Structures are given as C-alpha cells and as structure tokens.
Amino acid sequence: MRMPIIGGNWKMNRGSPSSAITMLRVLKRLVKNIHNVEIVIAPPFTALFSVIQYLKKTVIRVGAQNVYFEDSGAFTGEISPKFLKEIGCEYVILGHSERRNIFLESDEVINKKIKKSLSYGLRPIVCIGEHLEDREAGNTERVIEKQLEYTFKDLNKKDMMNIVIAYEPIWAIGTGKTATPEQAEEIHRFIRNYLGEKYDNDLKTGIRIQYGGSINPSNAEALFQKENIDGGLVGGASLEAESLYEIIKSAERS
C-alpha cells in the first residue's frame, strides 16, 4: 500500500518564523495521532530553519520550495541542496508551475535540480501539468508524456522511488478551479502506466503521485478516494491549520 502524502506549499506566505510557528503549534496538536499519512510543510526560506527546529520529533516533515543544481558558488539569490540538507530539510518542491511559467524553468533545468537534490538525500516533489489550452486542444497526454520524458531523463528506478510526482493542471493552480476526480484520476493513471512501461511494475505500483490544484476540505475526499491519487500538494488551504487538517483527515480515510 502506498502511504498518501499531503504537502503544504506555503509559497510566499507566512514568511516570518513567528507566523509559521503560530500556525504549526495548532497543526502539531491536531495531527499528533495521524500515523498513516505523510505530512510535509514547505515554508518560505526565511522561516525554514525555525520550522525545522520546531517540528523535530513530530510526525510533520519539512521541505523547501526550490533549490539550485550546484553545491556552492557565485549564484546570487539561489540556495544549495547541501545547505538545505545541513539544516535538516528532507523534501524539496521542484518544477512547480509558478517556477516553470514565471521563472521560465525548463524540463532540463528541473532535471538537473532533481539529480542534485537526490545526490544529497533530499526527496523531490516534482510537479508536472498542462495549460488550459493544452487540455482544450486534447493534448494533455502528449504534454504530460513530454514532461515525464525530459524532467526525469536518465533517472533510474532507485532514483524514481525516492521521488513524489505532483500532477497539477496549471489551469487549476490558484484559480479556484479543480479537475474533477475523474479527470485527475485519468491523468494519474496515464502517468502510472507510462512509468510502468518505462521502468517496471514495481515502480508503477510503488511511486506516489499527488494531485495539486486548488485542493480544499470540500473536494479533497472525492479526489483521494481515486485509486491512483496518493494525496495532494496543497496551496492556499495549507496556510491555516484547521483546513489543512481536514484535508489530511480526508487522506487518512482514503
């Protein structure tokens, strides 16, 4: 059985340590008896170290929202996976649609980031997804297949088993729109089948694939009940402890 994983991507919110800890104090109490859902919080870099220290010895893991593909050097404004590992970070979100669209990150750049993160023992949560025009033109599977091919180029089965894939239809990110459970399940199944053909059945059945795209307490349960959806990457609804807890409970019931 694949353990569902709920990731809270705070984006550029709750950046002060005090704001982050205020929320997490409530969440820590709420989830203390959750054992069959993996919970990951990804705060802004300004709160990352404080959050890692605060969540030690809890069931909540911590991830970063981005990383660069070099150990160190003259890369102003970037962050090394070495630095993240040294402060106790466990996960890193890569390839988010906002990184792809606003900062023009290509599949090739994301591929480099994945490889470098894995080399330091960080577990990437890697986002893929299509634009609305791709879906309306019937090109969703073609776009997803291309992203799978180049984003995960030259990664072996062991590498892939340490990765979580987040399918996030770009038209549903921060828009309030959500793919129907049936639409989401169709693409999750496509991704799983593609990986089964490229690698083997163990990877097909073992890799975790989240859904991301305006998940909230009212739609989470219907999504998580689908066979191929292993939790979610949550944006706005992860900023408040109570709403995130409701989503976590939905994953637990699935």
C-alpha atoms as a PDB file:
ATOM      1  CA  MET A   1       0.000   0.000   0.000  1.00  0.00           C
ATOM      2  CA  ARG A   2       1.231   3.496  -0.879  1.00  0.00           C
ATOM      3  CA  MET A   3       1.097   5.907   2.029  1.00  0.00           C
ATOM      4  CA  PRO A   4      -0.673   9.099   0.968  1.00  0.00           C
ATOM      5  CA  ILE A   5       1.358  12.276   1.256  1.00  0.00           C
ATOM      6  CA  ILE A   6      -0.031  15.733   1.924  1.00  0.00           C
ATOM      7  CA  GLY A   7       2.290  18.628   1.119  1.00  0.00           C
ATOM      8  CA  GLY A   8       1.598  22.147   2.298  1.00  0.00           C
ATOM      9  CA  ASN A   9       3.179  24.622  -0.128  1.00  0.00           C
ATOM     10  CA  TRP A  10       3.035  27.997   1.607  1.00  0.00           C
ATOM     11  CA  LYS A  11       4.548  29.793  -1.387  1.00  0.00           C
ATOM     12  CA  MET A  12       5.412  33.404  -0.447  1.00  0.00           C
ATOM     13  CA  ASN A  13       3.217  33.413   2.669  1.00  0.00           C
ATOM     14  CA  ARG A  14       3.852  33.009   6.411  1.00  0.00           C
ATOM     15  CA  GLY A  15       7.466  34.008   5.902  1.00  0.00           C
ATOM     16  CA  SER A  16       8.187  35.143   9.456  1.00  0.00           C
ATOM     17  CA  PRO A  17       9.179  32.448  11.950  1.00  0.00           C
ATOM     18  CA  SER A  18       6.570  33.690  14.420  1.00  0.00           C
ATOM     19  CA  SER A  19       3.749  33.435  11.875  1.00  0.00           C
ATOM     20  CA  ALA A  20       4.871  29.960  10.830  1.00  0.00           C
ATOM     21  CA  ILE A  21       5.162  28.662  14.394  1.00  0.00           C
ATOM     22  CA  THR A  22       1.780  30.116  15.373  1.00  0.00           C
ATOM     23  CA  MET A  23       0.111  28.024  12.681  1.00  0.00           C
ATOM     24  CA  LEU A  24       2.214  24.923  13.304  1.00  0.00           C
ATOM     25  CA  ARG A  25       1.533  24.965  17.032  1.00  0.00           C
ATOM     26  CA  VAL A  26      -2.115  24.272  16.229  1.00  0.00           C
ATOM     27  CA  LEU A  27      -1.372  21.774  13.439  1.00  0.00           C
ATOM     28  CA  LYS A  28       1.057  19.807  15.594  1.00  0.00           C
ATOM     29  CA  ARG A  29      -1.657  19.285  18.200  1.00  0.00           C
ATOM     30  CA  LEU A  30      -4.266  18.299  15.610  1.00  0.00           C
ATOM     31  CA  VAL A  31      -2.140  15.696  13.789  1.00  0.00           C
ATOM     32  CA  LYS A  32      -0.440  14.057  16.766  1.00  0.00           C
ATOM     33  CA  ASN A  33      -2.441  10.861  16.245  1.00  0.00           C
ATOM     34  CA  ILE A  34      -2.087  10.726  12.447  1.00  0.00           C
ATOM     35  CA  HIS A  35       0.102   7.754  11.522  1.00  0.00           C
ATOM     36  CA  ASN A  36      -0.823   6.619   8.013  1.00  0.00           C
ATOM     37  CA  VAL A  37      -0.452   9.924   6.141  1.00  0.00           C
ATOM     38  CA  GLU A  38       2.885  11.597   5.489  1.00  0.00           C
ATOM     39  CA  ILE A  39       2.722  15.342   6.108  1.00  0.00           C
ATOM     40  CA  VAL A  40       5.216  17.797   4.600  1.00  0.00           C
ATOM     41  CA  ILE A  41       5.269  21.550   5.159  1.00  0.00           C
ATOM     42  CA  ALA A  42       7.214  23.777   2.744  1.00  0.00           C
ATOM     43  CA  PRO A  43       7.548  27.292   4.210  1.00  0.00           C
ATOM     44  CA  PRO A  44       9.441  30.246   2.709  1.00  0.00           C
ATOM     45  CA  PHE A  45      13.212  30.179   3.193  1.00  0.00           C
ATOM     46  CA  THR A  46      13.024  32.880   5.878  1.00  0.00           C
ATOM     47  CA  ALA A  47      11.058  30.525   8.142  1.00  0.00           C
ATOM     48  CA  LEU A  48      12.618  27.232   7.044  1.00  0.00           C
ATOM     49  CA  PHE A  49      15.223  26.754   9.796  1.00  0.00           C
ATOM     50  CA  SER A  50      12.819  27.773  12.563  1.00  0.00           C
ATOM     51  CA  VAL A  51      10.168  25.386  11.239  1.00  0.00           C
ATOM     52  CA  ILE A  52      12.655  22.503  11.039  1.00  0.00           C
ATOM     53  CA  GLN A  53      13.729  23.092  14.630  1.00  0.00           C
ATOM     54  CA  TYR A  54      10.161  23.404  15.875  1.00  0.00           C
ATOM     55  CA  LEU A  55       8.930  20.238  14.158  1.00  0.00           C
ATOM     56  CA  LYS A  56      11.700  17.942  15.364  1.00  0.00           C
ATOM     57  CA  LYS A  57      10.290  14.788  16.973  1.00  0.00           C
ATOM     58  CA  THR A  58       6.864  15.313  15.393  1.00  0.00           C
ATOM     59  CA  VAL A  59       5.112  13.479  12.562  1.00  0.00           C
ATOM     60  CA  ILE A  60       5.453  16.535  10.306  1.00  0.00           C
ATOM     61  CA  ARG A  61       8.325  16.671   7.826  1.00  0.00           C
ATOM     62  CA  VAL A  62       9.753  19.802   6.239  1.00  0.00           C
ATOM     63  CA  GLY A  63      10.580  20.682   2.646  1.00  0.00           C
ATOM     64  CA  ALA A  64      11.943  23.654   0.726  1.00  0.00           C
ATOM     65  CA  GLN A  65      10.156  25.309  -2.177  1.00  0.00           C
ATOM     66  CA  ASN A  66      13.127  25.374  -4.541  1.00  0.00           C
ATOM     67  CA  VAL A  67      16.822  24.544  -4.891  1.00  0.00           C
ATOM     68  CA  TYR A  68      19.669  25.166  -7.338  1.00  0.00           C
ATOM     69  CA  PHE A  69      21.710  22.480  -9.099  1.00  0.00           C
ATOM     70  CA  GLU A  70      25.137  23.497  -7.780  1.00  0.00           C
ATOM     71  CA  ASP A  71      26.743  22.874  -4.382  1.00  0.00           C
ATOM     72  CA  SER A  72      28.013  26.444  -3.922  1.00  0.00           C
ATOM     73  CA  GLY A  73      29.434  29.379  -5.840  1.00  0.00           C
ATOM     74  CA  ALA A  74      28.591  32.728  -7.407  1.00  0.00           C
ATOM     75  CA  PHE A  75      24.850  32.183  -7.799  1.00  0.00           C
ATOM     76  CA  THR A  76      23.317  35.196  -6.099  1.00  0.00           C
ATOM     77  CA  GLY A  77      19.875  34.529  -4.694  1.00  0.00           C
ATOM     78  CA  GLU A  78      19.992  30.743  -5.133  1.00  0.00           C
ATOM     79  CA  ILE A  79      20.078  28.010  -2.479  1.00  0.00           C
ATOM     80  CA  SER A  80      22.236  24.880  -2.461  1.00  0.00           C
ATOM     81  CA  PRO A  81      20.849  21.420  -1.677  1.00  0.00           C
ATOM     82  CA  LYS A  82      23.898  20.972   0.520  1.00  0.00           C
ATOM     83  CA  PHE A  83      22.750  23.879   2.687  1.00  0.00           C
ATOM     84  CA  LEU A  84      19.208  22.504   2.882  1.00  0.00           C
ATOM     85  CA  LYS A  85      20.411  19.077   3.932  1.00  0.00           C
ATOM     86  CA  GLU A  86      22.707  20.530   6.583  1.00  0.00           C
ATOM     87  CA  ILE A  87      19.837  22.294   8.362  1.00  0.00           C
ATOM     88  CA  GLY A  88      17.651  19.175   8.364  1.00  0.00           C
ATOM     89  CA  CYS A  89      15.457  19.663   5.312  1.00  0.00           C
ATOM     90  CA  GLU A  90      14.032  16.398   3.914  1.00  0.00           C
ATOM     91  CA  TYR A  91      11.949  17.347   0.855  1.00  0.00           C
ATOM     92  CA  VAL A  92      12.110  19.932  -1.914  1.00  0.00           C
ATOM     93  CA  ILE A  93       9.388  21.025  -4.345  1.00  0.00           C
ATOM     94  CA  LEU A  94      10.670  21.200  -7.925  1.00  0.00           C
ATOM     95  CA  GLY A  95       9.070  22.128 -11.236  1.00  0.00           C
ATOM     96  CA  HIS A  96       6.071  23.910  -9.765  1.00  0.00           C
ATOM     97  CA  SER A  97       4.053  25.638 -12.473  1.00  0.00           C
ATOM     98  CA  GLU A  98       4.932  29.017 -10.983  1.00  0.00           C
ATOM     99  CA  ARG A  99       8.635  28.200 -11.343  1.00  0.00           C
ATOM    100  CA  ARG A 100       8.061  26.987 -14.907  1.00  0.00           C
ATOM    101  CA  ASN A 101       5.850  29.898 -16.007  1.00  0.00           C
ATOM    102  CA  ILE A 102       7.120  32.920 -14.061  1.00  0.00           C
ATOM    103  CA  PHE A 103      10.805  31.989 -13.844  1.00  0.00           C
ATOM    104  CA  LEU A 104      10.894  30.066 -17.135  1.00  0.00           C
ATOM    105  CA  GLU A 105      12.416  26.883 -15.726  1.00  0.00           C
ATOM    106  CA  SER A 106      12.646  24.188 -18.384  1.00  0.00           C
ATOM    107  CA  ASP A 107      12.335  20.423 -18.013  1.00  0.00           C
ATOM    108  CA  GLU A 108      16.118  20.240 -18.462  1.00  0.00           C
ATOM    109  CA  VAL A 109      16.795  22.652 -15.578  1.00  0.00           C
ATOM    110  CA  ILE A 110      14.346  20.799 -13.342  1.00  0.00           C
ATOM    111  CA  ASN A 111      16.064  17.537 -14.273  1.00  0.00           C
ATOM    112  CA  LYS A 112      19.395  18.939 -13.062  1.00  0.00           C
ATOM    113  CA  LYS A 113      17.787  20.063  -9.811  1.00  0.00           C
ATOM    114  CA  ILE A 114      16.273  16.621  -9.251  1.00  0.00           C
ATOM    115  CA  LYS A 115      19.616  14.883  -9.734  1.00  0.00           C
ATOM    116  CA  LYS A 116      21.484  17.260  -7.443  1.00  0.00           C
ATOM    117  CA  SER A 117      18.782  17.033  -4.757  1.00  0.00           C
ATOM    118  CA  LEU A 118      18.839  13.239  -4.835  1.00  0.00           C
ATOM    119  CA  SER A 119      22.627  13.260  -4.503  1.00  0.00           C
ATOM    120  CA  TYR A 120      22.190  14.938  -1.102  1.00  0.00           C
ATOM    121  CA  GLY A 121      19.380  12.692   0.056  1.00  0.00           C
ATOM    122  CA  LEU A 122      16.634  15.265  -0.449  1.00  0.00           C
ATOM    123  CA  ARG A 123      13.360  13.824  -1.725  1.00  0.00           C
ATOM    124  CA  PRO A 124      11.944  15.842  -4.635  1.00  0.00           C
ATOM    125  CA  ILE A 125       8.244  16.520  -5.037  1.00  0.00           C
ATOM    126  CA  VAL A 126       8.197  17.109  -8.785  1.00  0.00           C
ATOM    127  CA  CYS A 127       5.304  18.949 -10.423  1.00  0.00           C
ATOM    128  CA  ILE A 128       4.025  18.391 -13.934  1.00  0.00           C
ATOM    129  CA  GLY A 129       0.866  19.579 -15.654  1.00  0.00           C
ATOM    130  CA  GLU A 130      -0.772  21.097 -18.691  1.00  0.00           C
ATOM    131  CA  HIS A 131      -2.149  24.540 -19.594  1.00  0.00           C
ATOM    132  CA  LEU A 132      -5.845  25.060 -20.260  1.00  0.00           C
ATOM    133  CA  GLU A 133      -5.231  25.406 -24.000  1.00  0.00           C
ATOM    134  CA  ASP A 134      -3.484  22.021 -23.999  1.00  0.00           C
ATOM    135  CA  ARG A 135      -6.481  20.371 -22.355  1.00  0.00           C
ATOM    136  CA  GLU A 136      -8.993  22.092 -24.609  1.00  0.00           C
ATOM    137  CA  ALA A 137      -6.992  21.009 -27.667  1.00  0.00           C
ATOM    138  CA  GLY A 138      -6.908  17.395 -26.470  1.00  0.00           C
ATOM    139  CA  ASN A 139      -3.122  17.485 -25.971  1.00  0.00           C
ATOM    140  CA  THR A 140      -2.957  16.776 -22.236  1.00  0.00           C
ATOM    141  CA  GLU A 141      -1.395  13.326 -22.517  1.00  0.00           C
ATOM    142  CA  ARG A 142       1.110  14.478 -25.138  1.00  0.00           C
ATOM    143  CA  VAL A 143       2.233  17.356 -22.892  1.00  0.00           C
ATOM    144  CA  ILE A 144       2.457  15.140 -19.810  1.00  0.00           C
ATOM    145  CA  GLU A 145       4.431  12.473 -21.671  1.00  0.00           C
ATOM    146  CA  LYS A 146       6.951  15.053 -22.875  1.00  0.00           C
ATOM    147  CA  GLN A 147       7.385  16.407 -19.346  1.00  0.00           C
ATOM    148  CA  LEU A 148       7.862  12.893 -17.985  1.00  0.00           C
ATOM    149  CA  GLU A 149      10.447  12.103 -20.649  1.00  0.00           C
ATOM    150  CA  TYR A 150      12.631  15.177 -20.130  1.00  0.00           C
ATOM    151  CA  THR A 151      12.030  16.058 -16.474  1.00  0.00           C
ATOM    152  CA  PHE A 152      13.050  12.547 -15.390  1.00  0.00           C
ATOM    153  CA  LYS A 153      15.672  11.922 -18.076  1.00  0.00           C
ATOM    154  CA  ASP A 154      18.452   9.482 -17.103  1.00  0.00           C
ATOM    155  CA  LEU A 155      16.962   8.697 -13.696  1.00  0.00           C
ATOM    156  CA  ASN A 156      16.997   5.041 -12.691  1.00  0.00           C
ATOM    157  CA  LYS A 157      14.370   3.097 -10.786  1.00  0.00           C
ATOM    158  CA  LYS A 158      16.007   3.744  -7.406  1.00  0.00           C
ATOM    159  CA  ASP A 159      16.017   7.475  -8.127  1.00  0.00           C
ATOM    160  CA  MET A 160      12.366   7.414  -9.114  1.00  0.00           C
ATOM    161  CA  MET A 161      11.317   5.555  -5.977  1.00  0.00           C
ATOM    162  CA  ASN A 162      12.660   8.496  -3.963  1.00  0.00           C
ATOM    163  CA  ILE A 163      10.541  10.980  -5.910  1.00  0.00           C
ATOM    164  CA  VAL A 164       6.931  12.070  -5.423  1.00  0.00           C
ATOM    165  CA  ILE A 165       5.172  13.269  -8.560  1.00  0.00           C
ATOM    166  CA  ALA A 166       2.563  16.007  -8.225  1.00  0.00           C
ATOM    167  CA  TYR A 167       0.156  16.287 -11.139  1.00  0.00           C
ATOM    168  CA  GLU A 168      -1.058  19.883 -11.136  1.00  0.00           C
ATOM    169  CA  PRO A 169      -3.150  21.049 -14.078  1.00  0.00           C
ATOM    170  CA  ILE A 170      -1.872  24.594 -14.494  1.00  0.00           C
ATOM    171  CA  TRP A 171      -5.368  25.908 -15.169  1.00  0.00           C
ATOM    172  CA  ALA A 172      -6.332  24.858 -11.638  1.00  0.00           C
ATOM    173  CA  ILE A 173      -3.443  26.472  -9.729  1.00  0.00           C
ATOM    174  CA  GLY A 174      -4.695  29.316  -7.574  1.00  0.00           C
ATOM    175  CA  THR A 175      -7.783  29.772  -9.747  1.00  0.00           C
ATOM    176  CA  GLY A 176     -10.337  28.060  -7.552  1.00  0.00           C
ATOM    177  CA  LYS A 177     -10.929  25.592 -10.394  1.00  0.00           C
ATOM    178  CA  THR A 178     -10.233  21.947  -9.738  1.00  0.00           C
ATOM    179  CA  ALA A 179     -10.005  18.994 -12.066  1.00  0.00           C
ATOM    180  CA  THR A 180     -12.884  16.639 -11.427  1.00  0.00           C
ATOM    181  CA  PRO A 181     -11.884  13.462  -9.587  1.00  0.00           C
ATOM    182  CA  GLU A 182     -12.399  11.608 -12.863  1.00  0.00           C
ATOM    183  CA  GLN A 183     -10.173  13.993 -14.836  1.00  0.00           C
ATOM    184  CA  ALA A 184      -7.455  13.822 -12.195  1.00  0.00           C
ATOM    185  CA  GLU A 185      -7.644  10.037 -11.957  1.00  0.00           C
ATOM    186  CA  GLU A 186      -7.376   9.677 -15.735  1.00  0.00           C
ATOM    187  CA  ILE A 187      -4.057  11.554 -15.829  1.00  0.00           C
ATOM    188  CA  HIS A 188      -2.708   9.882 -12.691  1.00  0.00           C
ATOM    189  CA  ARG A 189      -3.413   6.516 -14.324  1.00  0.00           C
ATOM    190  CA  PHE A 190      -1.706   7.685 -17.520  1.00  0.00           C
ATOM    191  CA  ILE A 191       1.402   8.747 -15.565  1.00  0.00           C
ATOM    192  CA  ARG A 192       1.499   5.465 -13.674  1.00  0.00           C
ATOM    193  CA  ASN A 193       1.132   3.402 -16.828  1.00  0.00           C
ATOM    194  CA  TYR A 194       3.845   5.417 -18.587  1.00  0.00           C
ATOM    195  CA  LEU A 195       6.262   4.768 -15.730  1.00  0.00           C
ATOM    196  CA  GLY A 196       5.337   1.091 -15.690  1.00  0.00           C
ATOM    197  CA  GLU A 197       6.251   0.788 -19.350  1.00  0.00           C
ATOM    198  CA  LYS A 198       9.473   2.772 -18.982  1.00  0.00           C
ATOM    199  CA  TYR A 199      10.655   1.069 -15.786  1.00  0.00           C
ATOM    200  CA  ASP A 200       8.680  -1.845 -14.365  1.00  0.00           C
ATOM    201  CA  ASN A 201       5.551  -2.823 -12.470  1.00  0.00           C
ATOM    202  CA  ASP A 202       7.190  -2.299  -9.069  1.00  0.00           C
ATOM    203  CA  LEU A 203       7.702   1.366  -9.838  1.00  0.00           C
ATOM    204  CA  LYS A 204       4.275   1.654 -11.408  1.00  0.00           C
ATOM    205  CA  THR A 205       2.573   0.404  -8.272  1.00  0.00           C
ATOM    206  CA  GLY A 206       5.015   1.894  -5.758  1.00  0.00           C
ATOM    207  CA  ILE A 207       5.582   5.519  -6.783  1.00  0.00           C
ATOM    208  CA  ARG A 208       3.356   8.110  -5.136  1.00  0.00           C
ATOM    209  CA  ILE A 209       1.501  10.575  -7.354  1.00  0.00           C
ATOM    210  CA  GLN A 210      -0.224  13.524  -5.706  1.00  0.00           C
ATOM    211  CA  TYR A 211      -2.845  15.839  -7.102  1.00  0.00           C
ATOM    212  CA  GLY A 212      -2.244  19.598  -6.898  1.00  0.00           C
ATOM    213  CA  GLY A 213      -4.633  22.312  -7.956  1.00  0.00           C
ATOM    214  CA  SER A 214      -6.952  24.224  -5.610  1.00  0.00           C
ATOM    215  CA  ILE A 215      -7.413  21.355  -3.170  1.00  0.00           C
ATOM    216  CA  ASN A 216      -9.603  22.294  -0.224  1.00  0.00           C
ATOM    217  CA  PRO A 217     -11.514  20.496   2.538  1.00  0.00           C
ATOM    218  CA  SER A 218     -14.656  20.234   0.405  1.00  0.00           C
ATOM    219  CA  ASN A 219     -13.104  18.484  -2.622  1.00  0.00           C
ATOM    220  CA  ALA A 220     -10.204  16.550  -1.084  1.00  0.00           C
ATOM    221  CA  GLU A 221     -12.033  13.378  -0.106  1.00  0.00           C
ATOM    222  CA  ALA A 222     -13.534  12.743  -3.544  1.00  0.00           C
ATOM    223  CA  LEU A 223     -10.088  13.165  -5.117  1.00  0.00           C
ATOM    224  CA  PHE A 224      -8.255  10.970  -2.615  1.00  0.00           C
ATOM    225  CA  GLN A 225     -10.719   8.106  -2.993  1.00  0.00           C
ATOM    226  CA  LYS A 226      -9.478   7.523  -6.523  1.00  0.00           C
ATOM    227  CA  GLU A 227      -7.171   4.531  -6.904  1.00  0.00           C
ATOM    228  CA  ASN A 228      -4.173   6.326  -8.393  1.00  0.00           C
ATOM    229  CA  ILE A 229      -4.230   9.566  -6.368  1.00  0.00           C
ATOM    230  CA  ASP A 230      -1.924   9.427  -3.344  1.00  0.00           C
ATOM    231  CA  GLY A 231      -2.737  12.638  -1.508  1.00  0.00           C
ATOM    232  CA  GLY A 232      -2.196  16.211  -2.570  1.00  0.00           C
ATOM    233  CA  LEU A 233       0.064  19.218  -2.853  1.00  0.00           C
ATOM    234  CA  VAL A 234      -1.961  21.933  -1.164  1.00  0.00           C
ATOM    235  CA  GLY A 235      -1.545  25.676  -1.677  1.00  0.00           C
ATOM    236  CA  GLY A 236      -3.825  28.247  -0.062  1.00  0.00           C
ATOM    237  CA  ALA A 237      -5.700  25.736   2.079  1.00  0.00           C
ATOM    238  CA  SER A 238      -2.423  24.763   3.784  1.00  0.00           C
ATOM    239  CA  LEU A 239      -1.968  28.190   5.364  1.00  0.00           C
ATOM    240  CA  GLU A 240      -4.481  27.532   8.149  1.00  0.00           C
ATOM    241  CA  ALA A 241      -4.081  24.564  10.463  1.00  0.00           C
ATOM    242  CA  GLU A 242      -7.744  23.598  10.586  1.00  0.00           C
ATOM    243  CA  SER A 243      -8.273  23.493   6.818  1.00  0.00           C
ATOM    244  CA  LEU A 244      -5.061  21.545   6.253  1.00  0.00           C
ATOM    245  CA  TYR A 245      -6.046  19.107   8.991  1.00  0.00           C
ATOM    246  CA  GLU A 246      -9.389  18.449   7.281  1.00  0.00           C
ATOM    247  CA  ILE A 247      -7.511  17.586   4.071  1.00  0.00           C
ATOM    248  CA  ILE A 248      -5.124  15.324   5.991  1.00  0.00           C
ATOM    249  CA  LYS A 249      -8.098  13.511   7.549  1.00  0.00           C
ATOM    250  CA  SER A 250      -9.568  13.006   4.072  1.00  0.00           C
ATOM    251  CA  ALA A 251      -6.320  11.360   3.002  1.00  0.00           C
ATOM    252  CA  GLU A 252      -6.347   9.194   6.105  1.00  0.00           C
ATOM    253  CA  ARG A 253      -9.850   7.952   5.324  1.00  0.00           C
ATOM    254  CA  SER A 254      -8.884   7.117   1.741  1.00  0.00           C
END
